[in-house]
Each structure stands twice: as C-alpha cells, then as structure tokens.
C-alpha cells in the first residue's frame, strides 16, 4: 500500500471558531468538544469559550 497524501485522524483535526459573545478567536481539537447529532441542521460540535465560558457551536464536518 502506498500513501499518496497523508491525512489527519478525525480526533486530531483542529477547528478555529469565534465566540459570538466576546469575540475571542480560539482553536480546539475534536476530542475536546462535545458532539451533537442533529438530523435537521447537521451534526455539530460544541465547546466552551475559554474567556467567557459561553457555549460555541460549529459544524462537525
């Protein structure tokens, strides 16, 4: 078997988000977030903002 392009495992993926409440921009790994399944709007990840502790949502894809 030959690897053409090396990828990342899903738990290693890093997400960058902006908190809607305080404007903090931060990154987190998928393993640090809570996975939320939603058939209507699509699956999401939630994590608390490190500054204001408000819940921030982002798409899980």
C-alpha atoms as a PDB file:
ATOM      1  CA  UNK A   1       0.000   0.000   0.000  1.00  0.00           C
ATOM      2  CA  UNK A   2       1.230   3.487  -0.840  1.00  0.00           C
ATOM      3  CA  UNK A   3       0.154   6.734   0.840  1.00  0.00           C
ATOM      4  CA  UNK A   4      -0.345   9.473  -1.740  1.00  0.00           C
ATOM      5  CA  UNK A   5      -1.226  12.287   0.668  1.00  0.00           C
ATOM      6  CA  UNK A   6      -1.049  11.942   4.432  1.00  0.00           C
ATOM      7  CA  UNK A   7      -4.233  12.994   6.233  1.00  0.00           C
ATOM      8  CA  UNK A   8      -5.141  13.515   9.880  1.00  0.00           C
ATOM      9  CA  UNK A   9      -7.167  11.292  12.121  1.00  0.00           C
ATOM     10  CA  UNK A  10     -10.563  12.786  12.948  1.00  0.00           C
ATOM     11  CA  UNK A  11      -9.659  13.320  16.612  1.00  0.00           C
ATOM     12  CA  UNK A  12      -6.534  15.245  15.564  1.00  0.00           C
ATOM     13  CA  UNK A  13      -8.456  17.773  13.471  1.00  0.00           C
ATOM     14  CA  UNK A  14      -8.265  21.334  14.763  1.00  0.00           C
ATOM     15  CA  UNK A  15     -11.221  23.713  14.491  1.00  0.00           C
ATOM     16  CA  UNK A  16     -10.986  27.521  14.651  1.00  0.00           C
ATOM     17  CA  UNK A  17     -14.022  29.432  15.912  1.00  0.00           C
ATOM     18  CA  UNK A  18     -15.004  32.901  17.064  1.00  0.00           C
ATOM     19  CA  UNK A  19     -17.139  33.374  20.167  1.00  0.00           C
ATOM     20  CA  UNK A  20     -20.294  35.329  19.286  1.00  0.00           C
ATOM     21  CA  UNK A  21     -20.447  36.803  22.790  1.00  0.00           C
ATOM     22  CA  UNK A  22     -16.947  38.168  23.482  1.00  0.00           C
ATOM     23  CA  UNK A  23     -15.248  37.872  20.062  1.00  0.00           C
ATOM     24  CA  UNK A  24     -12.431  35.584  21.212  1.00  0.00           C
ATOM     25  CA  UNK A  25     -10.917  33.544  18.373  1.00  0.00           C
ATOM     26  CA  UNK A  26      -9.637  30.160  19.529  1.00  0.00           C
ATOM     27  CA  UNK A  27      -8.812  26.669  18.306  1.00  0.00           C
ATOM     28  CA  UNK A  28      -9.757  23.294  19.726  1.00  0.00           C
ATOM     29  CA  UNK A  29      -9.360  19.640  18.840  1.00  0.00           C
ATOM     30  CA  UNK A  30     -12.387  17.476  18.105  1.00  0.00           C
ATOM     31  CA  UNK A  31     -11.620  15.368  21.182  1.00  0.00           C
ATOM     32  CA  UNK A  32     -12.059  18.494  23.363  1.00  0.00           C
ATOM     33  CA  UNK A  33     -15.581  19.198  22.110  1.00  0.00           C
ATOM     34  CA  UNK A  34     -18.983  17.643  22.652  1.00  0.00           C
ATOM     35  CA  UNK A  35     -20.509  16.020  19.548  1.00  0.00           C
ATOM     36  CA  UNK A  36     -24.194  16.871  18.935  1.00  0.00           C
ATOM     37  CA  UNK A  37     -26.179  14.860  16.376  1.00  0.00           C
ATOM     38  CA  UNK A  38     -28.907  16.833  14.576  1.00  0.00           C
ATOM     39  CA  UNK A  39     -30.744  15.480  11.515  1.00  0.00           C
ATOM     40  CA  UNK A  40     -32.304  18.849  10.622  1.00  0.00           C
ATOM     41  CA  UNK A  41     -29.338  21.219  10.760  1.00  0.00           C
ATOM     42  CA  UNK A  42     -26.461  18.741  10.560  1.00  0.00           C
ATOM     43  CA  UNK A  43     -24.119  17.426  13.210  1.00  0.00           C
ATOM     44  CA  UNK A  44     -22.250  19.964  15.322  1.00  0.00           C
ATOM     45  CA  UNK A  45     -19.502  20.352  17.894  1.00  0.00           C
ATOM     46  CA  UNK A  46     -19.863  22.483  20.996  1.00  0.00           C
ATOM     47  CA  UNK A  47     -17.113  23.808  23.219  1.00  0.00           C
ATOM     48  CA  UNK A  48     -16.984  26.480  25.933  1.00  0.00           C
ATOM     49  CA  UNK A  49     -15.198  29.729  25.168  1.00  0.00           C
ATOM     50  CA  UNK A  50     -12.028  29.858  27.298  1.00  0.00           C
ATOM     51  CA  UNK A  51     -12.650  33.518  28.166  1.00  0.00           C
ATOM     52  CA  UNK A  52     -16.373  33.977  28.845  1.00  0.00           C
ATOM     53  CA  UNK A  53     -17.363  30.268  29.179  1.00  0.00           C
ATOM     54  CA  UNK A  54     -20.262  30.648  26.741  1.00  0.00           C
ATOM     55  CA  UNK A  55     -21.058  27.628  24.531  1.00  0.00           C
ATOM     56  CA  UNK A  56     -19.770  27.976  20.950  1.00  0.00           C
ATOM     57  CA  UNK A  57     -21.157  25.798  18.134  1.00  0.00           C
ATOM     58  CA  UNK A  58     -19.541  24.785  14.826  1.00  0.00           C
ATOM     59  CA  UNK A  59     -20.337  22.245  12.106  1.00  0.00           C
ATOM     60  CA  UNK A  60     -18.824  18.807  12.687  1.00  0.00           C
ATOM     61  CA  UNK A  61     -17.824  18.188   9.059  1.00  0.00           C
END
